[in-house]
PDB file of N, CA and C in Angstrom:
ATOM      1  N   UNK A   1     151.452  95.905 101.296  1.00  0.00           N
ATOM      2  CA  UNK A   1     152.536  96.280 100.363  1.00  0.00           C
ATOM      3  C   UNK A   1     153.195  95.015  99.817  1.00  0.00           C
ATOM      4  N   UNK A   2     153.122  94.853  98.511  1.00  0.00           N
ATOM      5  CA  UNK A   2     153.728  93.643  97.903  1.00  0.00           C
ATOM      6  C   UNK A   2     154.970  94.019  97.100  1.00  0.00           C
ATOM      7  N   UNK A   3     156.054  93.313  97.347  1.00  0.00           N
ATOM      8  CA  UNK A   3     157.301  93.604  96.624  1.00  0.00           C
ATOM      9  C   UNK A   3     157.176  93.221  95.143  1.00  0.00           C
ATOM     10  N   UNK A   4     156.472  92.113  94.881  1.00  0.00           N
ATOM     11  CA  UNK A   4     156.314  91.662  93.485  1.00  0.00           C
ATOM     12  C   UNK A   4     155.640  92.729  92.638  1.00  0.00           C
ATOM     13  N   UNK A   5     154.579  93.315  93.170  1.00  0.00           N
ATOM     14  CA  UNK A   5     153.844  94.333  92.400  1.00  0.00           C
ATOM     15  C   UNK A   5     154.758  95.534  92.134  1.00  0.00           C
ATOM     16  N   UNK A   6     155.533  95.902  93.136  1.00  0.00           N
ATOM     17  CA  UNK A   6     156.433  97.061  92.965  1.00  0.00           C
ATOM     18  C   UNK A   6     157.469  96.779  91.876  1.00  0.00           C
ATOM     19  N   UNK A   7     158.038  95.594  91.923  1.00  0.00           N
ATOM     20  CA  UNK A   7     159.057  95.232  90.921  1.00  0.00           C
ATOM     21  C   UNK A   7     158.457  95.269  89.520  1.00  0.00           C
ATOM     22  N   UNK A   8     157.255  94.722  89.399  1.00  0.00           N
ATOM     23  CA  UNK A   8     156.600  94.699  88.080  1.00  0.00           C
ATOM     24  C   UNK A   8     156.391  96.125  87.575  1.00  0.00           C
ATOM     25  N   UNK A   9     155.915  96.998  88.461  1.00  0.00           N
ATOM     26  CA  UNK A   9     155.667  98.395  88.041  1.00  0.00           C
ATOM     27  C   UNK A   9     156.990  99.075  87.706  1.00  0.00           C
ATOM     28  N   UNK A  10     158.013  98.823  88.535  1.00  0.00           N
ATOM     29  CA  UNK A  10     159.310  99.462  88.287  1.00  0.00           C
ATOM     30  C   UNK A  10     159.838  99.045  86.913  1.00  0.00           C
ATOM     31  N   UNK A  11     159.696  97.760  86.623  1.00  0.00           N
ATOM     32  CA  UNK A  11     160.205  97.248  85.328  1.00  0.00           C
ATOM     33  C   UNK A  11     159.414  97.909  84.191  1.00  0.00           C
ATOM     34  N   UNK A  12     158.121  98.056  84.386  1.00  0.00           N
ATOM     35  CA  UNK A  12     157.301  98.679  83.327  1.00  0.00           C
ATOM     36  C   UNK A  12     157.761 100.108  83.066  1.00  0.00           C
ATOM     37  N   UNK A  13     157.987 100.848  84.164  1.00  0.00           N
ATOM     38  CA  UNK A  13     158.421 102.248  84.013  1.00  0.00           C
ATOM     39  C   UNK A  13     159.794 102.314  83.371  1.00  0.00           C
ATOM     40  N   UNK A  14     160.673 101.391  83.775  1.00  0.00           N
ATOM     41  CA  UNK A  14     162.038 101.392  83.245  1.00  0.00           C
ATOM     42  C   UNK A  14     162.021 101.063  81.742  1.00  0.00           C
ATOM     43  N   UNK A  15     161.044 100.251  81.341  1.00  0.00           N
ATOM     44  CA  UNK A  15     160.969  99.852  79.930  1.00  0.00           C
ATOM     45  C   UNK A  15     160.579 101.052  79.060  1.00  0.00           C
ATOM     46  N   UNK A  16     159.841 101.999  79.631  1.00  0.00           N
ATOM     47  CA  UNK A  16     159.371 103.160  78.840  1.00  0.00           C
ATOM     48  C   UNK A  16     160.539 103.962  78.296  1.00  0.00           C
TER      49      UNK A  16
END
């Protein structure tokens, strides 16, 4: 489990 990957995905979803 990587925190960086989660943050990146969260930011992508939030951008939508």
